């Protein structure tokens, strides 16, 4: 199915939460099993446009996280640490009327999903993580250096302008150069551009490139993972197997109810040619987990 056809399947959504206008896309019908999808760094809700239509029986809602896609940027005094989106995410699922729901996240969105599920495990029925779990641990002694870097980045990035492109095709090419297929790149780029006097520029907030003021220690990360008492599926990209093996070992050690698997492809495997395999792995996991809960 081509990118244009995939895009037409999605329904645009909007919410007002904590003074921020948030945008998203949905697939499936309200009343079907609810599934929230959180995209990766510098991506947007269209990241799930190939995967979501293949999850039959689910009402999939994907957000543009703040500073991405068509959602608002945070105020100039705010930050983009990985937990900063959690209040708005909770506001959206409350607006949808979802007391409990399934959750899938990719990359940075997977890390945010892990934090959300650890803080509110009673609301997450099943957790699916695509090629990420938690950020790398940073020792407590690094805190002063990390804080300084974040403060310096905040000043520097407030004055930074996003790259300008003369045409949509040029913007798409910039994402293709970073490993995405043309169809996947176009889906993400079209949702992440606005017009400017010189042509087109990203809607993405430049402050997303800044360092986090606080990094979690190994003790923090272990506590987060051990709080995941719901069935959890971790799918890792086979192309980054060296890094994946380390991540898999850490996840197996600390996540109580973990299903671990690898799939062909790169970091955006849920937007690549084998997306049907990714969808099948998710469907199998969700159906088996649901059967175990009902038995």
C-alpha atoms as a PDB file:
ATOM      1  CA  UNK A   1       0.000   0.000   0.000  1.00  0.00           C
ATOM      2  CA  UNK A   2       1.407   3.403  -0.983  1.00  0.00           C
ATOM      3  CA  UNK A   3       2.044   6.282   1.391  1.00  0.00           C
ATOM      4  CA  UNK A   4      -0.907   8.302   0.072  1.00  0.00           C
ATOM      5  CA  UNK A   5      -3.327   5.415   0.585  1.00  0.00           C
ATOM      6  CA  UNK A   6      -1.993   4.743   4.078  1.00  0.00           C
ATOM      7  CA  UNK A   7      -2.378   8.399   5.018  1.00  0.00           C
ATOM      8  CA  UNK A   8      -6.015   8.445   3.887  1.00  0.00           C
ATOM      9  CA  UNK A   9      -6.857   5.690   6.371  1.00  0.00           C
ATOM     10  CA  UNK A  10      -6.022   7.933   9.320  1.00  0.00           C
ATOM     11  CA  UNK A  11      -8.448  10.253  11.082  1.00  0.00           C
ATOM     12  CA  UNK A  12      -6.960  13.498  12.465  1.00  0.00           C
ATOM     13  CA  UNK A  13      -7.610  14.282  16.130  1.00  0.00           C
ATOM     14  CA  UNK A  14      -6.948  17.254  18.407  1.00  0.00           C
ATOM     15  CA  UNK A  15      -7.044  17.880  22.148  1.00  0.00           C
ATOM     16  CA  UNK A  16      -6.440  20.836  24.456  1.00  0.00           C
ATOM     17  CA  UNK A  17      -4.505  19.696  27.513  1.00  0.00           C
ATOM     18  CA  UNK A  18      -2.755  21.894  30.094  1.00  0.00           C
ATOM     19  CA  UNK A  19      -2.926  24.892  27.779  1.00  0.00           C
ATOM     20  CA  UNK A  20      -1.272  23.001  24.903  1.00  0.00           C
ATOM     21  CA  UNK A  21      -2.903  22.100  21.589  1.00  0.00           C
ATOM     22  CA  UNK A  22      -2.063  18.483  20.815  1.00  0.00           C
ATOM     23  CA  UNK A  23      -2.615  16.681  17.527  1.00  0.00           C
ATOM     24  CA  UNK A  24      -2.796  13.040  16.598  1.00  0.00           C
ATOM     25  CA  UNK A  25      -4.029  10.426  14.170  1.00  0.00           C
ATOM     26  CA  UNK A  26      -6.313   7.455  14.722  1.00  0.00           C
ATOM     27  CA  UNK A  27      -7.060   4.184  12.958  1.00  0.00           C
ATOM     28  CA  UNK A  28      -9.886   1.769  13.668  1.00  0.00           C
ATOM     29  CA  UNK A  29     -13.158   2.570  15.396  1.00  0.00           C
ATOM     30  CA  UNK A  30     -13.941   3.963  18.854  1.00  0.00           C
ATOM     31  CA  UNK A  31     -15.229   1.083  20.924  1.00  0.00           C
ATOM     32  CA  UNK A  32     -12.582  -1.311  19.638  1.00  0.00           C
ATOM     33  CA  UNK A  33      -9.705  -2.230  21.951  1.00  0.00           C
ATOM     34  CA  UNK A  34      -7.814   0.991  22.791  1.00  0.00           C
ATOM     35  CA  UNK A  35      -4.129   1.243  21.906  1.00  0.00           C
ATOM     36  CA  UNK A  36      -2.015   4.382  22.358  1.00  0.00           C
ATOM     37  CA  UNK A  37       1.075   4.842  20.148  1.00  0.00           C
ATOM     38  CA  UNK A  38       4.019   7.135  20.961  1.00  0.00           C
ATOM     39  CA  UNK A  39       6.567   8.010  18.255  1.00  0.00           C
ATOM     40  CA  UNK A  40      10.306   8.491  18.400  1.00  0.00           C
ATOM     41  CA  UNK A  41      12.574  11.535  18.566  1.00  0.00           C
ATOM     42  CA  UNK A  42      11.970  14.052  15.728  1.00  0.00           C
ATOM     43  CA  UNK A  43       9.212  11.834  14.257  1.00  0.00           C
ATOM     44  CA  UNK A  44       5.443  12.272  14.660  1.00  0.00           C
ATOM     45  CA  UNK A  45       2.156  10.357  14.721  1.00  0.00           C
ATOM     46  CA  UNK A  46       2.569   9.320  11.075  1.00  0.00           C
ATOM     47  CA  UNK A  47       5.318   6.983  12.293  1.00  0.00           C
ATOM     48  CA  UNK A  48       2.531   4.437  12.884  1.00  0.00           C
ATOM     49  CA  UNK A  49       0.712   4.924   9.584  1.00  0.00           C
ATOM     50  CA  UNK A  50       1.953   1.611   8.140  1.00  0.00           C
ATOM     51  CA  UNK A  51       1.612  -0.457  11.317  1.00  0.00           C
ATOM     52  CA  UNK A  52      -1.673   0.750  12.819  1.00  0.00           C
ATOM     53  CA  UNK A  53      -4.007  -0.282   9.940  1.00  0.00           C
ATOM     54  CA  UNK A  54      -2.743  -3.852  10.316  1.00  0.00           C
ATOM     55  CA  UNK A  55      -3.770  -4.078  13.975  1.00  0.00           C
ATOM     56  CA  UNK A  56      -7.332  -5.117  13.273  1.00  0.00           C
ATOM     57  CA  UNK A  57      -9.754  -4.899  16.172  1.00  0.00           C
ATOM     58  CA  UNK A  58      -7.855  -2.020  17.781  1.00  0.00           C
ATOM     59  CA  UNK A  59      -8.625   1.677  17.965  1.00  0.00           C
ATOM     60  CA  UNK A  60      -5.089   3.010  17.590  1.00  0.00           C
ATOM     61  CA  UNK A  61      -4.451   6.629  18.567  1.00  0.00           C
ATOM     62  CA  UNK A  62      -0.995   8.060  17.836  1.00  0.00           C
ATOM     63  CA  UNK A  63       0.058  11.410  19.279  1.00  0.00           C
ATOM     64  CA  UNK A  64       2.316  14.126  17.991  1.00  0.00           C
ATOM     65  CA  UNK A  65       4.270  14.606  21.211  1.00  0.00           C
ATOM     66  CA  UNK A  66       4.868  18.236  22.188  1.00  0.00           C
ATOM     67  CA  UNK A  67       7.348  20.020  19.944  1.00  0.00           C
ATOM     68  CA  UNK A  68       6.764  17.484  17.138  1.00  0.00           C
ATOM     69  CA  UNK A  69       4.486  17.344  14.115  1.00  0.00           C
ATOM     70  CA  UNK A  70       1.347  19.448  14.505  1.00  0.00           C
ATOM     71  CA  UNK A  71       1.357  19.683  18.314  1.00  0.00           C
ATOM     72  CA  UNK A  72       2.320  22.846  20.174  1.00  0.00           C
ATOM     73  CA  UNK A  73       5.817  23.596  21.344  1.00  0.00           C
ATOM     74  CA  UNK A  74       6.358  23.965  25.054  1.00  0.00           C
ATOM     75  CA  UNK A  75       6.719  27.443  26.529  1.00  0.00           C
ATOM     76  CA  UNK A  76      10.164  29.021  26.547  1.00  0.00           C
ATOM     77  CA  UNK A  77      10.638  28.336  30.262  1.00  0.00           C
ATOM     78  CA  UNK A  78       9.787  24.624  29.881  1.00  0.00           C
ATOM     79  CA  UNK A  79      11.919  21.626  28.937  1.00  0.00           C
ATOM     80  CA  UNK A  80      11.699  18.400  26.929  1.00  0.00           C
ATOM     81  CA  UNK A  81      12.872  15.810  29.412  1.00  0.00           C
ATOM     82  CA  UNK A  82      11.453  12.348  28.835  1.00  0.00           C
ATOM     83  CA  UNK A  83       8.894  12.677  31.649  1.00  0.00           C
ATOM     84  CA  UNK A  84       7.643  16.118  30.621  1.00  0.00           C
ATOM     85  CA  UNK A  85       5.087  14.661  28.183  1.00  0.00           C
ATOM     86  CA  UNK A  86       3.457  12.378  30.752  1.00  0.00           C
ATOM     87  CA  UNK A  87       0.839  14.872  32.055  1.00  0.00           C
ATOM     88  CA  UNK A  88      -0.361  15.634  28.521  1.00  0.00           C
ATOM     89  CA  UNK A  89      -0.435  11.954  27.564  1.00  0.00           C
ATOM     90  CA  UNK A  90      -2.589  11.216  30.606  1.00  0.00           C
ATOM     91  CA  UNK A  91      -4.824  14.136  29.670  1.00  0.00           C
ATOM     92  CA  UNK A  92      -5.345  12.716  26.196  1.00  0.00           C
ATOM     93  CA  UNK A  93      -6.236   9.196  27.335  1.00  0.00           C
ATOM     94  CA  UNK A  94      -8.596  10.675  29.919  1.00  0.00           C
ATOM     95  CA  UNK A  95     -10.229  12.763  27.177  1.00  0.00           C
ATOM     96  CA  UNK A  96     -10.618   9.565  25.139  1.00  0.00           C
ATOM     97  CA  UNK A  97     -12.307   7.916  28.119  1.00  0.00           C
ATOM     98  CA  UNK A  98      -9.684   5.177  28.350  1.00  0.00           C
ATOM     99  CA  UNK A  99      -9.358   3.902  31.921  1.00  0.00           C
ATOM    100  CA  UNK A 100      -7.103   1.084  30.711  1.00  0.00           C
ATOM    101  CA  UNK A 101      -5.388   0.656  27.352  1.00  0.00           C
ATOM    102  CA  UNK A 102      -2.582  -1.044  25.483  1.00  0.00           C
ATOM    103  CA  UNK A 103       0.545   1.008  24.842  1.00  0.00           C
ATOM    104  CA  UNK A 104       3.181   0.891  22.093  1.00  0.00           C
ATOM    105  CA  UNK A 105       6.173   3.179  21.744  1.00  0.00           C
ATOM    106  CA  UNK A 106       9.076   3.499  19.339  1.00  0.00           C
ATOM    107  CA  UNK A 107      12.557   4.755  20.320  1.00  0.00           C
ATOM    108  CA  UNK A 108      12.137   7.844  22.552  1.00  0.00           C
ATOM    109  CA  UNK A 109       8.432   7.044  22.587  1.00  0.00           C
ATOM    110  CA  UNK A 110       9.245   3.568  23.923  1.00  0.00           C
ATOM    111  CA  UNK A 111      11.257   5.123  26.751  1.00  0.00           C
ATOM    112  CA  UNK A 112       8.381   7.484  27.572  1.00  0.00           C
ATOM    113  CA  UNK A 113       6.005   4.495  27.423  1.00  0.00           C
ATOM    114  CA  UNK A 114       8.164   2.618  29.917  1.00  0.00           C
ATOM    115  CA  UNK A 115       8.038   5.553  32.342  1.00  0.00           C
ATOM    116  CA  UNK A 116       4.269   5.897  31.983  1.00  0.00           C
ATOM    117  CA  UNK A 117       3.664   2.184  32.461  1.00  0.00           C
ATOM    118  CA  UNK A 118       5.899   2.045  35.533  1.00  0.00           C
ATOM    119  CA  UNK A 119       4.097   4.980  37.169  1.00  0.00           C
ATOM    120  CA  UNK A 120       0.560   3.792  36.269  1.00  0.00           C
ATOM    121  CA  UNK A 121       0.807   0.011  35.807  1.00  0.00           C
ATOM    122  CA  UNK A 122      -2.880  -0.444  36.634  1.00  0.00           C
ATOM    123  CA  UNK A 123      -3.835   1.477  33.474  1.00  0.00           C
ATOM    124  CA  UNK A 124      -1.587  -0.322  30.946  1.00  0.00           C
ATOM    125  CA  UNK A 125      -2.915  -3.718  29.886  1.00  0.00           C
ATOM    126  CA  UNK A 126      -0.015  -4.666  27.595  1.00  0.00           C
ATOM    127  CA  UNK A 127       3.190  -2.795  26.736  1.00  0.00           C
ATOM    128  CA  UNK A 128       5.006  -3.054  23.395  1.00  0.00           C
ATOM    129  CA  UNK A 129       8.442  -1.450  23.019  1.00  0.00           C
ATOM    130  CA  UNK A 130      10.000  -0.974  19.576  1.00  0.00           C
ATOM    131  CA  UNK A 131      13.809  -0.850  19.592  1.00  0.00           C
ATOM    132  CA  UNK A 132      14.208   0.928  22.949  1.00  0.00           C
ATOM    133  CA  UNK A 133      13.429   0.437  26.633  1.00  0.00           C
ATOM    134  CA  UNK A 134      15.186   3.002  28.814  1.00  0.00           C
ATOM    135  CA  UNK A 135      17.940   5.581  28.292  1.00  0.00           C
ATOM    136  CA  UNK A 136      21.502   4.714  29.194  1.00  0.00           C
ATOM    137  CA  UNK A 137      22.251   5.006  32.898  1.00  0.00           C
ATOM    138  CA  UNK A 138      24.314   7.979  34.097  1.00  0.00           C
ATOM    139  CA  UNK A 139      26.123   7.908  37.441  1.00  0.00           C
ATOM    140  CA  UNK A 140      24.968  10.301  40.141  1.00  0.00           C
ATOM    141  CA  UNK A 141      28.386  11.949  40.178  1.00  0.00           C
ATOM    142  CA  UNK A 142      27.783  13.235  36.651  1.00  0.00           C
ATOM    143  CA  UNK A 143      24.847  15.375  37.752  1.00  0.00           C
ATOM    144  CA  UNK A 144      26.674  18.763  37.897  1.00  0.00           C
ATOM    145  CA  UNK A 145      28.176  18.288  34.436  1.00  0.00           C
ATOM    146  CA  UNK A 146      24.834  17.182  33.007  1.00  0.00           C
ATOM    147  CA  UNK A 147      23.033  20.166  34.516  1.00  0.00           C
ATOM    148  CA  UNK A 148      25.593  22.590  33.103  1.00  0.00           C
ATOM    149  CA  UNK A 149      25.272  21.086  29.619  1.00  0.00           C
ATOM    150  CA  UNK A 150      21.471  21.391  29.743  1.00  0.00           C
ATOM    151  CA  UNK A 151      21.618  25.030  30.830  1.00  0.00           C
ATOM    152  CA  UNK A 152      24.113  25.913  28.112  1.00  0.00           C
ATOM    153  CA  UNK A 153      22.025  24.109  25.480  1.00  0.00           C
ATOM    154  CA  UNK A 154      18.870  25.923  26.576  1.00  0.00           C
ATOM    155  CA  UNK A 155      20.414  29.329  25.858  1.00  0.00           C
ATOM    156  CA  UNK A 156      22.006  28.167  22.596  1.00  0.00           C
ATOM    157  CA  UNK A 157      18.946  26.427  21.177  1.00  0.00           C
ATOM    158  CA  UNK A 158      16.450  29.172  21.984  1.00  0.00           C
ATOM    159  CA  UNK A 159      18.160  31.229  19.294  1.00  0.00           C
ATOM    160  CA  UNK A 160      18.533  28.392  16.811  1.00  0.00           C
ATOM    161  CA  UNK A 161      16.391  28.256  13.653  1.00  0.00           C
ATOM    162  CA  UNK A 162      15.459  25.029  11.915  1.00  0.00           C
ATOM    163  CA  UNK A 163      16.863  24.111   8.525  1.00  0.00           C
ATOM    164  CA  UNK A 164      15.037  25.585   5.517  1.00  0.00           C
ATOM    165  CA  UNK A 165      14.297  23.552   2.371  1.00  0.00           C
ATOM    166  CA  UNK A 166      13.405  24.922  -1.059  1.00  0.00           C
ATOM    167  CA  UNK A 167      10.904  22.108  -1.684  1.00  0.00           C
ATOM    168  CA  UNK A 168       9.122  19.163  -0.115  1.00  0.00           C
ATOM    169  CA  UNK A 169      11.269  16.761  -2.122  1.00  0.00           C
ATOM    170  CA  UNK A 170      14.424  18.273  -0.625  1.00  0.00           C
ATOM    171  CA  UNK A 171      13.049  17.818   2.884  1.00  0.00           C
ATOM    172  CA  UNK A 172      12.093  14.213   2.131  1.00  0.00           C
ATOM    173  CA  UNK A 173      15.572  13.564   0.737  1.00  0.00           C
ATOM    174  CA  UNK A 174      17.104  14.734   4.015  1.00  0.00           C
ATOM    175  CA  UNK A 175      15.291  11.955   5.892  1.00  0.00           C
ATOM    176  CA  UNK A 176      16.023   9.360   3.197  1.00  0.00           C
ATOM    177  CA  UNK A 177      19.716  10.136   3.671  1.00  0.00           C
ATOM    178  CA  UNK A 178      19.322   9.082   7.322  1.00  0.00           C
ATOM    179  CA  UNK A 179      18.046   5.631   6.411  1.00  0.00           C
ATOM    180  CA  UNK A 180      14.293   5.921   5.841  1.00  0.00           C
ATOM    181  CA  UNK A 181      12.581   4.678   2.707  1.00  0.00           C
ATOM    182  CA  UNK A 182      11.143   7.406   0.440  1.00  0.00           C
ATOM    183  CA  UNK A 183       7.567   6.410   1.357  1.00  0.00           C
ATOM    184  CA  UNK A 184       8.254   6.446   5.109  1.00  0.00           C
ATOM    185  CA  UNK A 185      10.204   9.685   4.890  1.00  0.00           C
ATOM    186  CA  UNK A 186       7.412  11.423   2.988  1.00  0.00           C
ATOM    187  CA  UNK A 187       4.800  10.406   5.573  1.00  0.00           C
ATOM    188  CA  UNK A 188       6.850  11.839   8.420  1.00  0.00           C
ATOM    189  CA  UNK A 189       8.060  14.937   6.588  1.00  0.00           C
ATOM    190  CA  UNK A 190       4.656  16.046   5.292  1.00  0.00           C
ATOM    191  CA  UNK A 191       3.390  16.178   8.881  1.00  0.00           C
ATOM    192  CA  UNK A 192       6.468  17.970  10.154  1.00  0.00           C
ATOM    193  CA  UNK A 193       6.800  20.986   7.811  1.00  0.00           C
ATOM    194  CA  UNK A 194       5.472  24.536   7.695  1.00  0.00           C
ATOM    195  CA  UNK A 195       5.899  27.294   5.165  1.00  0.00           C
ATOM    196  CA  UNK A 196       8.388  30.113   5.783  1.00  0.00           C
ATOM    197  CA  UNK A 197       9.542  33.051   3.606  1.00  0.00           C
ATOM    198  CA  UNK A 198      12.469  31.046   2.192  1.00  0.00           C
ATOM    199  CA  UNK A 199      10.519  27.847   1.520  1.00  0.00           C
ATOM    200  CA  UNK A 200       9.712  25.093   4.040  1.00  0.00           C
ATOM    201  CA  UNK A 201      11.064  24.434   7.517  1.00  0.00           C
ATOM    202  CA  UNK A 202      10.508  21.918  10.290  1.00  0.00           C
ATOM    203  CA  UNK A 203       7.784  22.420  12.871  1.00  0.00           C
ATOM    204  CA  UNK A 204      10.021  20.547  15.326  1.00  0.00           C
ATOM    205  CA  UNK A 205      11.183  22.557  18.340  1.00  0.00           C
ATOM    206  CA  UNK A 206      14.997  22.982  18.136  1.00  0.00           C
ATOM    207  CA  UNK A 207      15.180  22.573  21.907  1.00  0.00           C
ATOM    208  CA  UNK A 208      14.573  18.843  21.423  1.00  0.00           C
ATOM    209  CA  UNK A 209      18.265  18.686  20.448  1.00  0.00           C
ATOM    210  CA  UNK A 210      19.312  19.850  23.909  1.00  0.00           C
ATOM    211  CA  UNK A 211      20.762  17.788  26.734  1.00  0.00           C
ATOM    212  CA  UNK A 212      18.473  16.665  29.542  1.00  0.00           C
ATOM    213  CA  UNK A 213      19.092  18.387  32.857  1.00  0.00           C
ATOM    214  CA  UNK A 214      18.681  15.116  34.773  1.00  0.00           C
ATOM    215  CA  UNK A 215      19.725  11.633  33.692  1.00  0.00           C
ATOM    216  CA  UNK A 216      18.500   8.516  35.457  1.00  0.00           C
ATOM    217  CA  UNK A 217      20.933   6.336  37.373  1.00  0.00           C
ATOM    218  CA  UNK A 218      21.079   2.550  37.151  1.00  0.00           C
ATOM    219  CA  UNK A 219      19.083   2.355  40.375  1.00  0.00           C
ATOM    220  CA  UNK A 220      16.349   4.543  38.901  1.00  0.00           C
ATOM    221  CA  UNK A 221      16.181   2.440  35.750  1.00  0.00           C
ATOM    222  CA  UNK A 222      15.988  -0.846  37.637  1.00  0.00           C
ATOM    223  CA  UNK A 223      13.119   0.501  39.742  1.00  0.00           C
ATOM    224  CA  UNK A 224      11.275   1.615  36.585  1.00  0.00           C
ATOM    225  CA  UNK A 225      11.621  -1.757  34.866  1.00  0.00           C
ATOM    226  CA  UNK A 226      10.706  -3.812  37.918  1.00  0.00           C
ATOM    227  CA  UNK A 227       7.459  -1.840  38.214  1.00  0.00           C
ATOM    228  CA  UNK A 228       6.311  -3.139  34.808  1.00  0.00           C
ATOM    229  CA  UNK A 229       3.949  -5.851  36.017  1.00  0.00           C
ATOM    230  CA  UNK A 230       1.995  -6.030  32.740  1.00  0.00           C
ATOM    231  CA  UNK A 231       2.915  -8.360  29.842  1.00  0.00           C
ATOM    232  CA  UNK A 232       5.677  -6.572  27.927  1.00  0.00           C
ATOM    233  CA  UNK A 233       6.937  -7.204  24.396  1.00  0.00           C
ATOM    234  CA  UNK A 234      10.330  -5.859  23.344  1.00  0.00           C
ATOM    235  CA  UNK A 235      11.054  -5.971  19.604  1.00  0.00           C
ATOM    236  CA  UNK A 236      14.628  -5.130  18.621  1.00  0.00           C
ATOM    237  CA  UNK A 237      16.078  -4.373  15.188  1.00  0.00           C
ATOM    238  CA  UNK A 238      18.366  -7.099  13.908  1.00  0.00           C
ATOM    239  CA  UNK A 239      20.546  -4.592  12.035  1.00  0.00           C
ATOM    240  CA  UNK A 240      21.737  -3.138  15.345  1.00  0.00           C
ATOM    241  CA  UNK A 241      22.265  -6.517  16.983  1.00  0.00           C
ATOM    242  CA  UNK A 242      25.355  -5.535  18.999  1.00  0.00           C
ATOM    243  CA  UNK A 243      23.542  -2.764  20.795  1.00  0.00           C
ATOM    244  CA  UNK A 244      20.362  -4.830  20.904  1.00  0.00           C
ATOM    245  CA  UNK A 245      22.028  -7.694  22.761  1.00  0.00           C
ATOM    246  CA  UNK A 246      23.106  -5.399  25.586  1.00  0.00           C
ATOM    247  CA  UNK A 247      19.646  -3.857  25.805  1.00  0.00           C
ATOM    248  CA  UNK A 248      17.995  -7.280  25.688  1.00  0.00           C
ATOM    249  CA  UNK A 249      20.152  -8.556  28.536  1.00  0.00           C
ATOM    250  CA  UNK A 250      19.281  -5.574  30.728  1.00  0.00           C
ATOM    251  CA  UNK A 251      15.572  -5.910  29.956  1.00  0.00           C
ATOM    252  CA  UNK A 252      15.519  -9.668  30.662  1.00  0.00           C
ATOM    253  CA  UNK A 253      17.219  -9.077  33.982  1.00  0.00           C
ATOM    254  CA  UNK A 254      14.716  -6.539  35.270  1.00  0.00           C
ATOM    255  CA  UNK A 255      11.321  -6.733  33.461  1.00  0.00           C
ATOM    256  CA  UNK A 256       9.172  -9.383  35.184  1.00  0.00           C
ATOM    257  CA  UNK A 257       6.840 -10.473  32.329  1.00  0.00           C
ATOM    258  CA  UNK A 258       8.992  -9.900  29.248  1.00  0.00           C
ATOM    259  CA  UNK A 259       8.625 -11.372  25.767  1.00  0.00           C
ATOM    260  CA  UNK A 260      11.751 -10.619  23.737  1.00  0.00           C
ATOM    261  CA  UNK A 261      12.174 -10.909  19.978  1.00  0.00           C
ATOM    262  CA  UNK A 262      14.148  -9.450  17.080  1.00  0.00           C
ATOM    263  CA  UNK A 263      12.914  -8.460  13.626  1.00  0.00           C
ATOM    264  CA  UNK A 264      14.642  -7.763  10.350  1.00  0.00           C
ATOM    265  CA  UNK A 265      15.338  -4.147   9.502  1.00  0.00           C
ATOM    266  CA  UNK A 266      16.742  -0.980  10.979  1.00  0.00           C
ATOM    267  CA  UNK A 267      15.649   1.329  13.758  1.00  0.00           C
ATOM    268  CA  UNK A 268      12.394   2.256  11.944  1.00  0.00           C
ATOM    269  CA  UNK A 269      11.468  -1.372  11.187  1.00  0.00           C
ATOM    270  CA  UNK A 270       7.789  -0.567  11.877  1.00  0.00           C
ATOM    271  CA  UNK A 271       7.866   1.628   8.736  1.00  0.00           C
ATOM    272  CA  UNK A 272       9.839  -0.730   6.504  1.00  0.00           C
ATOM    273  CA  UNK A 273       8.942  -3.496   4.059  1.00  0.00           C
ATOM    274  CA  UNK A 274       8.518  -6.097   6.818  1.00  0.00           C
ATOM    275  CA  UNK A 275       5.918  -4.082   8.750  1.00  0.00           C
ATOM    276  CA  UNK A 276       3.486  -6.978   8.272  1.00  0.00           C
ATOM    277  CA  UNK A 277       5.835  -9.173  10.319  1.00  0.00           C
ATOM    278  CA  UNK A 278       6.000  -6.538  13.051  1.00  0.00           C
ATOM    279  CA  UNK A 279       2.205  -6.336  13.108  1.00  0.00           C
ATOM    280  CA  UNK A 280       1.936 -10.135  13.299  1.00  0.00           C
ATOM    281  CA  UNK A 281       4.372 -10.274  16.243  1.00  0.00           C
ATOM    282  CA  UNK A 282       2.289  -7.649  18.023  1.00  0.00           C
ATOM    283  CA  UNK A 283      -1.016  -9.399  17.285  1.00  0.00           C
ATOM    284  CA  UNK A 284       0.371 -12.735  18.506  1.00  0.00           C
ATOM    285  CA  UNK A 285       1.694 -11.165  21.705  1.00  0.00           C
ATOM    286  CA  UNK A 286      -1.507  -9.264  22.439  1.00  0.00           C
ATOM    287  CA  UNK A 287      -3.766 -12.258  21.794  1.00  0.00           C
ATOM    288  CA  UNK A 288      -1.688 -14.668  23.890  1.00  0.00           C
ATOM    289  CA  UNK A 289      -1.404 -12.163  26.745  1.00  0.00           C
ATOM    290  CA  UNK A 290      -5.159 -11.568  26.646  1.00  0.00           C
ATOM    291  CA  UNK A 291      -5.852 -15.332  26.730  1.00  0.00           C
ATOM    292  CA  UNK A 292      -3.573 -15.756  29.753  1.00  0.00           C
ATOM    293  CA  UNK A 293      -5.382 -12.965  31.585  1.00  0.00           C
ATOM    294  CA  UNK A 294      -8.817 -14.439  30.904  1.00  0.00           C
ATOM    295  CA  UNK A 295      -7.886 -18.025  31.873  1.00  0.00           C
END
